[in-house]
Amino acid sequence: MNNSIDELPGRGEKVWFIIRQDSHEGPYALSMLEDKLAAGELKKEALVWARGWPEALPFFRVLSAYRGEATPVVEERPVRPIKKVEREEFVFEPASSESTESLPAPAARWPLVAVVLFMLGGGLWLTRQLPTQTELTRPAEMNIDAFRKMSAAFKLIDRPVPVPQVVVSGDYRKIWLTDGSSQLCHYEASFHSDPQNNLGGESVSFQTQASLLQHWVMFDRLNFTEGQKLMPGRYTLTVNRQDCAPQGLLSWWEKPHPALSLVFDVDIFHGTADELQARMDVVFKKKEAAKKQRAEMSQQAWRDIGEKLRTLSAISQQIETGFNELLNRKIAWKLRMDRVISNYTMRFGGFLTNFTVKNDEDFSTLSTQDIPAKVDIMGRQPLINAHAKRIGFLSMGLIERLQKLKDAPKRSDLEDWLRTLQQDFAVERESIRRAIVEATQMADPSTQTPGTP
């Protein structure tokens, strides 16, 4: 593959990685690398690599390409053929009495032993010079397109370190990570995705561990600390590699690879990054629409609460006015008392009872809905019922007192009874007024004054 200056990533694209001796850092934007260079945190000779490039380049070469001073044409390295070393086989047969005389003398066997030792030593030396395996074998459950993508990324990093990409199985139950190391290493990994970075719209975090086998690390035991299942999306992966040990003949001369701790972002999704972003955009638009609808339902519930409270305040005022008819001396006492009691019974007594029943039904419907501040809203149900029952209780208290009278009461006593009723209603309406103010503020937060909870 040839990459020309026309294919240089944009300065703001986070696709660049810094290749260290035993690790890599990234992704960074080119501007971030330039900042590190200016701060002395990065040398011009440092190797950097971008997704899609066949190999890492010195940073000064990349800068020259961006300035138009050079064209970073990089060709794939030819694979060096490996010469096969044919070993001569020797077959030793048990010695017999007849063939004993034909065996060579001890001095004559030394050249043969030397040849064998030389061939063994040469084989071991040649084995040590062989390059690290750069071919992966596809696991049976892995999608072929995902495998090809991972194989290409694996070939680009010619170092024994984990590749900053992952592959996920079709059922989202297994995750594969690949490493250039051929040693037996133990891996511990933790994944985290914020609500805005996955299709579930909730935080997802889990931990897992596994060992390296043929350059693959398969994580299939996911211990969730947030969420309940693996959701497609973008994750921050923290992987710790430790307890590495070379296997077979390599253990004679190869040192264990050092422990590593790497952090990089990965996409866990069957498709491209653009496809994942498009899917998340659709999901979040629907989520925002549903959130807006729930907020409107919550605000309407608060408006309904305020309206019910205003209705109770108006009813108490009307009942109070109706009782004042008891002071009308132009009508006989018996007639005016019967008229006041009848008016209350027909207009307000049944209304307050039906009002309480309807209020219970409304809140029963709200209890099944997923709306913000649901607990606070449901807490207003007993408050509204209490106001309605209190108004009815005060009214019926006066009516029962009137019904027990055989004769017309003294005007002073009647005025005292009505004054007491007015004071009780005034206290009740003040409590209702405060509840109305609170409901109005909850329905429209813009009406809240500074310092109002």
Protein backbone atom coordinates (compact mmCIF):
# COMPACT_ATOMS: atom_id res chain seq x y z
CA MET A 1 0.00 0.00 0.00
CA ASN A 2 1.33 3.48 -0.89
CA ASN A 3 0.27 6.53 1.07
CA SER A 4 0.88 9.92 -0.56
CA ILE A 5 0.66 13.47 0.74
CA ASP A 6 -2.91 13.68 -0.57
CA GLU A 7 -3.92 11.06 1.98
CA LEU A 8 -2.51 12.82 5.05
CA PRO A 9 -5.11 12.94 7.87
CA GLY A 10 -6.50 16.32 8.88
CA ARG A 11 -4.64 18.18 11.61
CA GLY A 12 -7.60 17.80 13.96
CA GLU A 13 -8.17 14.06 13.43
CA LYS A 14 -7.14 11.96 16.42
CA VAL A 15 -5.48 9.10 14.50
CA TRP A 16 -1.77 9.45 15.44
CA PHE A 17 0.02 7.16 17.90
CA ILE A 18 3.48 7.62 19.46
CA ILE A 19 5.44 4.35 19.23
CA ARG A 20 7.56 3.80 22.35
CA GLN A 21 10.00 1.01 23.07
CA ASP A 22 7.48 -1.17 24.90
CA SER A 23 4.21 0.68 24.38
CA HIS A 24 2.30 3.19 22.31
CA GLU A 25 0.31 6.31 23.19
CA GLY A 26 -2.67 7.83 21.49
CA PRO A 27 -4.68 8.60 19.62
CA TYR A 28 -3.53 12.24 19.20
CA ALA A 29 -4.26 14.95 16.68
CA LEU A 30 -1.26 16.36 14.79
CA SER A 31 -1.63 19.67 16.64
CA MET A 32 -1.34 17.81 19.96
CA LEU A 33 1.90 16.16 18.80
CA GLU A 34 3.27 19.57 17.77
CA ASP A 35 2.45 20.88 21.26
CA LYS A 36 4.33 17.96 22.79
CA LEU A 37 7.30 18.70 20.52
CA ALA A 38 7.33 22.35 21.58
CA ALA A 39 7.13 21.36 25.25
CA GLY A 40 10.07 18.96 24.90
CA GLU A 41 7.89 15.91 25.59
CA LEU A 42 8.44 14.50 22.08
CA LYS A 43 11.58 14.33 19.95
CA LYS A 44 11.65 14.89 16.20
CA GLU A 45 13.17 11.45 15.75
CA ALA A 46 10.32 9.76 17.66
CA LEU A 47 8.33 7.24 15.65
CA VAL A 48 4.66 8.05 15.02
CA TRP A 49 1.98 6.06 13.22
CA ALA A 50 -1.51 6.84 11.94
CA ARG A 51 -4.36 4.41 11.32
CA GLY A 52 -4.15 3.13 7.75
CA TRP A 53 -0.33 3.63 7.39
CA PRO A 54 1.81 0.56 6.69
CA GLU A 55 4.50 1.51 9.20
CA ALA A 56 5.66 4.14 11.66
CA LEU A 57 7.63 7.21 10.51
CA PRO A 58 9.94 9.69 12.30
CA PHE A 59 7.93 12.71 13.38
CA PHE A 60 10.16 15.17 11.48
CA ARG A 61 9.28 13.32 8.26
CA VAL A 62 5.57 13.67 8.96
CA LEU A 63 6.01 17.40 9.69
CA SER A 64 7.88 17.83 6.40
CA ALA A 65 5.01 16.16 4.57
CA TYR A 66 2.44 18.49 6.12
CA ARG A 67 4.59 21.50 5.16
CA GLY A 68 4.76 20.20 1.59
CA GLU A 69 8.55 19.75 1.73
CA ALA A 70 8.44 15.99 1.15
CA THR A 71 6.02 13.29 0.15
CA PRO A 72 5.91 10.44 2.71
CA VAL A 73 5.68 7.55 0.25
CA VAL A 74 6.08 4.34 2.19
CA GLU A 75 6.10 0.94 0.68
CA GLU A 76 5.42 -2.29 2.44
CA ARG A 77 8.51 -4.16 3.46
CA PRO A 78 9.14 -7.30 1.44
CA VAL A 79 8.87 -10.44 3.45
CA ARG A 80 12.33 -12.00 3.78
CA PRO A 81 12.19 -15.63 2.69
CA ILE A 82 13.14 -18.09 5.36
CA LYS A 83 15.64 -20.66 4.26
CA LYS A 84 14.77 -24.16 5.30
CA VAL A 85 17.56 -26.04 7.00
CA GLU A 86 17.45 -29.68 6.21
CA ARG A 87 18.76 -31.86 8.98
CA GLU A 88 20.41 -35.15 8.26
CA GLU A 89 18.77 -38.03 10.07
CA PHE A 90 20.77 -40.80 11.64
CA VAL A 91 19.43 -44.22 12.52
CA PHE A 92 21.22 -46.10 15.24
CA GLU A 93 20.71 -49.86 15.42
CA PRO A 94 21.62 -52.05 18.37
CA ALA A 95 25.11 -53.46 18.08
CA SER A 96 25.49 -57.19 17.63
CA SER A 97 28.45 -59.40 18.18
CA GLU A 98 28.90 -59.78 14.45
CA SER A 99 28.92 -56.04 13.70
CA THR A 100 31.02 -54.84 16.60
CA GLU A 101 34.18 -54.92 14.56
CA SER A 102 32.61 -52.68 11.88
CA LEU A 103 31.86 -49.72 14.24
CA PRO A 104 34.28 -46.79 13.89
CA ALA A 105 36.78 -46.19 16.57
CA PRO A 106 35.96 -43.46 19.18
CA ALA A 107 38.41 -41.08 17.51
CA ALA A 108 36.66 -41.60 14.17
CA ARG A 109 33.21 -40.61 15.64
CA TRP A 110 34.26 -37.10 16.80
CA PRO A 111 33.80 -35.45 13.38
CA LEU A 112 30.29 -36.85 13.22
CA VAL A 113 29.43 -35.48 16.69
CA ALA A 114 30.84 -32.08 15.75
CA VAL A 115 28.68 -31.96 12.62
CA VAL A 116 25.55 -32.77 14.63
CA LEU A 117 26.34 -30.12 17.26
CA PHE A 118 27.07 -27.56 14.56
CA MET A 119 23.75 -28.24 12.86
CA LEU A 120 21.87 -28.00 16.16
CA GLY A 121 23.59 -24.74 17.06
CA GLY A 122 22.98 -23.33 13.60
CA GLY A 123 19.32 -24.31 13.85
CA LEU A 124 18.97 -22.58 17.20
CA TRP A 125 20.71 -19.46 15.85
CA LEU A 126 18.49 -19.40 12.78
CA THR A 127 15.39 -19.84 14.94
CA ARG A 128 16.45 -16.87 17.03
CA GLN A 129 16.88 -14.73 13.89
CA LEU A 130 13.40 -15.48 12.55
CA PRO A 131 11.05 -12.45 12.67
CA THR A 132 8.09 -12.41 15.03
CA GLN A 133 5.02 -14.13 13.65
CA THR A 134 2.87 -11.58 11.79
CA GLU A 135 0.07 -13.85 10.59
CA LEU A 136 -3.07 -14.37 12.63
CA THR A 137 -5.41 -17.35 12.54
CA ARG A 138 -9.11 -16.40 12.55
CA PRO A 139 -11.10 -17.77 15.50
CA ALA A 140 -14.15 -19.74 14.35
CA GLU A 141 -16.65 -17.28 15.90
CA MET A 142 -15.03 -14.14 14.46
CA ASN A 143 -16.55 -12.23 11.55
CA ILE A 144 -14.33 -12.39 8.47
CA ASP A 145 -14.43 -8.62 7.83
CA ALA A 146 -13.52 -7.85 11.43
CA PHE A 147 -10.70 -10.40 11.23
CA ARG A 148 -9.26 -8.78 8.11
CA LYS A 149 -9.36 -5.36 9.77
CA MET A 150 -7.59 -6.68 12.86
CA SER A 151 -4.98 -8.55 10.77
CA ALA A 152 -4.10 -5.36 8.91
CA ALA A 153 -3.69 -3.43 12.15
CA PHE A 154 -1.64 -6.29 13.65
CA LYS A 155 0.88 -6.18 10.77
CA LEU A 156 1.42 -2.44 11.12
CA ILE A 157 2.90 -2.61 14.63
CA ASP A 158 6.09 -4.67 14.54
CA ARG A 159 6.44 -4.71 18.33
CA PRO A 160 5.31 -7.11 21.06
CA VAL A 161 2.54 -4.85 22.37
CA PRO A 162 -1.29 -5.01 22.26
CA VAL A 163 -2.91 -3.47 19.18
CA PRO A 164 -5.29 -0.59 20.08
CA GLN A 165 -8.30 -2.28 18.46
CA VAL A 166 -10.75 -4.98 19.49
CA VAL A 167 -13.12 -7.39 17.75
CA VAL A 168 -16.46 -8.45 19.22
CA SER A 169 -18.49 -11.60 18.51
CA GLY A 170 -21.86 -11.45 16.78
CA ASP A 171 -23.78 -11.92 20.02
CA TYR A 172 -21.67 -9.31 21.89
CA ARG A 173 -20.56 -11.88 24.46
CA LYS A 174 -16.88 -12.23 23.55
CA ILE A 175 -14.13 -9.68 22.88
CA TRP A 176 -10.77 -10.33 21.22
CA LEU A 177 -7.58 -8.30 21.64
CA THR A 178 -4.38 -9.13 19.77
CA ASP A 179 -0.75 -8.73 20.90
CA GLY A 180 2.52 -8.97 18.98
CA SER A 181 4.01 -10.99 21.84
CA SER A 182 4.30 -14.75 21.39
CA GLN A 183 4.96 -15.35 25.08
CA LEU A 184 2.47 -16.65 27.61
CA CYS A 185 1.13 -13.51 29.35
CA HIS A 186 -1.73 -12.72 31.69
CA TYR A 187 -4.06 -9.84 30.81
CA GLU A 188 -6.43 -7.88 33.03
CA ALA A 189 -8.71 -5.37 31.31
CA SER A 190 -11.44 -2.92 32.26
CA PHE A 191 -13.89 -1.30 29.83
CA HIS A 192 -16.03 1.80 30.42
CA SER A 193 -18.53 3.64 28.22
CA ASP A 194 -20.43 6.81 29.15
CA PRO A 195 -24.18 7.07 28.41
CA GLN A 196 -23.58 9.33 25.41
CA ASN A 197 -21.10 6.89 23.85
CA ASN A 198 -23.16 3.71 23.45
CA LEU A 199 -26.47 2.66 21.91
CA GLY A 200 -27.96 1.76 25.30
CA GLY A 201 -27.70 5.33 26.54
CA GLU A 202 -26.49 4.18 29.98
CA SER A 203 -23.11 3.82 31.67
CA VAL A 204 -21.50 0.43 30.99
CA SER A 205 -18.44 -0.79 32.90
CA PHE A 206 -17.01 -4.27 33.27
CA GLN A 207 -13.77 -6.06 34.10
CA THR A 208 -12.31 -9.21 32.61
CA GLN A 209 -9.10 -11.24 32.36
CA ALA A 210 -7.57 -13.89 30.08
CA SER A 211 -4.29 -15.27 28.70
CA LEU A 212 -2.58 -14.92 25.31
CA LEU A 213 -2.95 -17.78 22.82
CA GLN A 214 -1.56 -17.53 19.26
CA HIS A 215 -1.45 -13.73 19.57
CA TRP A 216 -5.14 -13.60 20.61
CA VAL A 217 -6.56 -12.67 24.01
CA MET A 218 -10.21 -13.69 24.26
CA PHE A 219 -12.31 -12.07 26.99
CA ASP A 220 -15.52 -14.04 27.50
CA ARG A 221 -16.19 -13.61 31.23
CA LEU A 222 -17.38 -10.05 31.68
CA ASN A 223 -17.98 -8.91 35.27
CA PHE A 224 -20.24 -5.84 35.09
CA THR A 225 -20.04 -3.06 37.66
CA GLU A 226 -22.34 -0.76 35.64
CA GLY A 227 -25.03 -1.97 33.28
CA GLN A 228 -26.02 -5.57 32.69
CA LYS A 229 -24.76 -6.37 29.20
CA LEU A 230 -22.26 -5.26 26.58
CA MET A 231 -23.77 -2.49 24.45
CA PRO A 232 -22.37 -1.44 21.05
CA GLY A 233 -20.48 1.82 21.39
CA ARG A 234 -17.20 3.53 22.21
CA TYR A 235 -15.26 2.36 25.25
CA THR A 236 -12.14 3.36 27.12
CA LEU A 237 -10.03 0.23 27.53
CA THR A 238 -7.42 -0.10 30.27
CA VAL A 239 -5.33 -3.26 29.78
CA ASN A 240 -2.59 -4.56 32.08
CA ARG A 241 -0.20 -7.23 30.77
CA GLN A 242 1.92 -9.06 33.30
CA ASP A 243 3.63 -12.36 34.19
CA CYS A 244 4.95 -12.93 30.64
CA ALA A 245 7.09 -16.04 30.08
CA PRO A 246 8.73 -17.31 26.82
CA GLN A 247 7.79 -20.83 25.77
CA GLY A 248 9.80 -23.77 24.41
CA LEU A 249 13.33 -23.22 23.11
CA LEU A 250 12.81 -19.47 23.27
CA SER A 251 13.04 -19.67 27.04
CA TRP A 252 16.77 -20.46 26.66
CA TRP A 253 17.66 -16.95 25.55
CA GLU A 254 14.58 -14.73 25.36
CA LYS A 255 13.77 -12.56 28.36
CA PRO A 256 10.18 -12.24 29.59
CA HIS A 257 8.42 -9.23 28.10
CA PRO A 258 7.98 -6.42 30.63
CA ALA A 259 4.67 -5.65 32.28
CA LEU A 260 2.58 -3.05 30.44
CA SER A 261 -0.33 -0.80 31.33
CA LEU A 262 -2.04 0.83 28.34
CA VAL A 263 -5.13 2.99 27.94
CA PHE A 264 -6.83 3.63 24.59
CA ASP A 265 -10.29 4.14 23.09
CA VAL A 266 -11.89 1.33 21.11
CA ASP A 267 -15.11 0.86 19.13
CA ILE A 268 -17.06 -2.26 20.04
CA PHE A 269 -19.37 -2.51 17.04
CA HIS A 270 -19.96 -4.59 13.90
CA GLY A 271 -19.22 -1.91 11.34
CA THR A 272 -17.24 1.26 10.76
CA ALA A 273 -16.84 4.22 13.12
CA ASP A 274 -19.08 6.31 10.85
CA GLU A 275 -21.82 3.67 10.96
CA LEU A 276 -21.59 3.56 14.75
CA GLN A 277 -21.86 7.35 14.97
CA ALA A 278 -24.89 7.36 12.66
CA ARG A 279 -26.61 4.72 14.80
CA MET A 280 -25.88 6.64 17.98
CA ASP A 281 -27.20 9.88 16.44
CA VAL A 282 -30.52 8.17 15.67
CA VAL A 283 -30.75 6.63 19.14
CA PHE A 284 -29.95 9.87 20.93
CA LYS A 285 -32.44 11.85 18.86
CA LYS A 286 -35.15 9.42 19.90
CA LYS A 287 -33.94 9.55 23.47
CA GLU A 288 -34.00 13.35 23.51
CA ALA A 289 -37.51 13.35 22.03
CA ALA A 290 -38.70 10.90 24.69
CA LYS A 291 -36.98 12.94 27.39
CA LYS A 292 -38.69 16.10 26.16
CA GLN A 293 -42.04 14.34 26.12
CA ARG A 294 -41.58 13.09 29.69
CA ALA A 295 -40.62 16.60 30.80
CA GLU A 296 -43.77 18.00 29.20
CA MET A 297 -45.86 15.34 30.95
CA SER A 298 -44.26 16.27 34.25
CA GLN A 299 -44.93 19.97 33.71
CA GLN A 300 -48.55 19.21 32.78
CA ALA A 301 -48.93 17.19 35.98
CA TRP A 302 -47.72 20.18 38.00
CA ARG A 303 -50.11 22.47 36.13
CA ASP A 304 -52.98 20.08 36.92
CA ILE A 305 -52.02 20.12 40.59
CA GLY A 306 -52.06 23.91 40.62
CA GLU A 307 -55.46 23.98 38.92
CA LYS A 308 -56.95 21.56 41.45
CA LEU A 309 -55.66 23.66 44.32
CA ARG A 310 -57.08 26.83 42.80
CA THR A 311 -60.43 25.07 42.44
CA LEU A 312 -60.45 24.16 46.15
CA SER A 313 -59.59 27.74 47.10
CA ALA A 314 -62.47 29.07 44.99
CA ILE A 315 -64.90 26.47 46.43
CA SER A 316 -64.02 27.49 49.99
CA GLN A 317 -64.71 31.13 49.06
CA GLN A 318 -68.10 30.22 47.57
CA ILE A 319 -69.08 28.12 50.61
CA GLU A 320 -68.14 30.99 52.92
CA THR A 321 -70.31 33.39 50.86
CA GLY A 322 -73.23 30.95 50.95
CA PHE A 323 -73.11 30.69 54.75
CA ASN A 324 -73.23 34.48 55.03
CA GLU A 325 -76.86 34.25 53.82
CA LEU A 326 -77.67 33.11 57.38
CA LEU A 327 -77.37 36.76 58.44
CA ASN A 328 -80.16 37.91 56.05
CA ARG A 329 -82.98 38.95 58.41
CA LYS A 330 -85.41 39.55 55.56
CA ILE A 331 -86.00 35.82 55.36
CA ALA A 332 -87.39 33.71 58.18
CA TRP A 333 -84.75 31.77 60.09
CA LYS A 334 -86.08 28.34 59.26
CA LEU A 335 -86.35 29.15 55.56
CA ARG A 336 -82.91 30.69 55.26
CA MET A 337 -81.24 27.87 57.22
CA ASP A 338 -82.89 25.24 54.98
CA ARG A 339 -81.88 27.23 51.89
CA VAL A 340 -78.21 27.48 53.00
CA ILE A 341 -77.99 23.81 53.92
CA SER A 342 -79.69 22.73 50.70
CA ASN A 343 -77.43 24.97 48.61
CA TYR A 344 -74.30 23.49 50.22
CA THR A 345 -75.50 19.91 49.84
CA MET A 346 -76.44 20.25 46.19
CA ARG A 347 -73.52 22.42 45.02
CA PHE A 348 -70.55 21.57 47.22
CA GLY A 349 -71.06 18.42 49.30
CA GLY A 350 -71.23 16.04 46.34
CA PHE A 351 -68.62 18.05 44.42
CA LEU A 352 -65.99 17.65 47.17
CA THR A 353 -66.63 13.90 47.33
CA ASN A 354 -66.36 13.48 43.55
CA PHE A 355 -63.32 15.77 43.50
CA THR A 356 -61.44 13.46 45.87
CA VAL A 357 -62.37 10.35 43.88
CA LYS A 358 -61.27 11.94 40.58
CA ASN A 359 -58.01 13.13 42.16
CA ASP A 360 -57.19 9.56 43.25
CA GLU A 361 -57.86 8.31 39.70
CA ASP A 362 -55.60 10.96 38.15
CA PHE A 363 -52.70 10.12 40.44
CA SER A 364 -53.23 6.40 39.86
CA THR A 365 -52.63 7.05 36.15
CA LEU A 366 -49.53 9.13 36.91
CA SER A 367 -48.07 6.29 38.98
CA THR A 368 -47.72 4.17 35.81
CA GLN A 369 -45.85 6.83 33.84
CA ASP A 370 -42.10 7.43 33.64
CA ILE A 371 -41.80 11.17 34.26
CA PRO A 372 -39.26 13.41 36.01
CA ALA A 373 -39.96 14.37 39.66
CA LYS A 374 -42.48 11.55 39.86
CA VAL A 375 -41.98 11.06 43.60
CA ASP A 376 -42.58 14.77 44.31
CA ILE A 377 -45.67 14.81 42.09
CA MET A 378 -47.17 11.73 43.72
CA GLY A 379 -46.58 13.35 47.11
CA ARG A 380 -49.15 16.04 46.23
CA GLN A 381 -52.03 13.53 46.07
CA PRO A 382 -52.62 13.28 49.85
CA LEU A 383 -52.08 17.06 50.17
CA ILE A 384 -54.88 17.86 47.70
CA ASN A 385 -57.21 15.32 49.31
CA ALA A 386 -56.45 16.74 52.74
CA HIS A 387 -57.44 20.27 51.62
CA ALA A 388 -60.68 19.00 50.09
CA LYS A 389 -61.58 17.01 53.19
CA ARG A 390 -60.68 19.90 55.49
CA ILE A 391 -63.02 22.27 53.59
CA GLY A 392 -65.83 19.70 53.80
CA PHE A 393 -65.18 19.04 57.48
CA LEU A 394 -65.33 22.75 58.42
CA SER A 395 -68.52 23.23 56.39
CA MET A 396 -70.30 20.18 57.80
CA GLY A 397 -69.30 21.19 61.32
CA LEU A 398 -71.28 24.40 61.03
CA ILE A 399 -74.22 22.65 59.32
CA GLU A 400 -74.48 20.04 62.08
CA ARG A 401 -74.51 22.82 64.70
CA LEU A 402 -77.34 24.57 62.84
CA GLN A 403 -79.37 21.38 62.48
CA LYS A 404 -79.31 20.82 66.25
CA LEU A 405 -80.99 24.19 66.94
CA LYS A 406 -84.69 24.19 67.75
CA ASP A 407 -85.01 27.94 67.59
CA ALA A 408 -83.16 30.72 65.84
CA PRO A 409 -79.77 31.42 67.47
CA LYS A 410 -78.75 34.76 68.83
CA ARG A 411 -77.29 36.98 66.17
CA SER A 412 -74.09 37.40 68.17
CA ASP A 413 -73.65 33.61 68.38
CA LEU A 414 -74.29 33.22 64.67
CA GLU A 415 -71.79 35.95 63.86
CA ASP A 416 -69.17 34.22 66.07
CA TRP A 417 -69.77 30.90 64.27
CA LEU A 418 -69.41 32.51 60.84
CA ARG A 419 -66.32 34.47 61.93
CA THR A 420 -64.67 31.24 63.14
CA LEU A 421 -65.51 29.56 59.82
CA GLN A 422 -64.01 32.49 57.91
CA GLN A 423 -60.78 32.33 59.94
CA ASP A 424 -60.46 28.58 59.40
CA PHE A 425 -61.08 28.99 55.68
CA ALA A 426 -58.51 31.84 55.55
CA VAL A 427 -55.85 29.58 57.07
CA GLU A 428 -56.75 26.82 54.62
CA ARG A 429 -56.63 29.14 51.62
CA GLU A 430 -53.21 30.49 52.65
CA SER A 431 -51.85 26.95 52.78
CA ILE A 432 -53.41 26.27 49.37
CA ARG A 433 -51.89 29.48 47.99
CA ARG A 434 -48.36 28.41 48.97
CA ALA A 435 -48.93 25.01 47.37
CA ILE A 436 -50.14 26.72 44.17
CA VAL A 437 -46.98 28.87 44.03
CA GLU A 438 -44.78 25.78 44.39
CA ALA A 439 -46.69 23.84 41.70
CA THR A 440 -46.46 26.82 39.32
CA GLN A 441 -42.69 27.04 39.79
CA MET A 442 -42.29 23.32 39.17
CA ALA A 443 -44.39 23.54 36.01
CA ASP A 444 -42.31 26.46 34.72
CA PRO A 445 -38.84 26.70 36.32
CA SER A 446 -38.33 30.12 34.72
CA THR A 447 -40.82 31.57 37.20
CA GLN A 448 -38.64 30.65 40.18
CA THR A 449 -37.00 33.53 41.97
CA PRO A 450 -33.32 33.28 43.06
CA GLY A 451 -32.96 31.26 46.23
CA THR A 452 -36.28 29.42 45.74
CA PRO A 453 -35.83 25.66 46.09
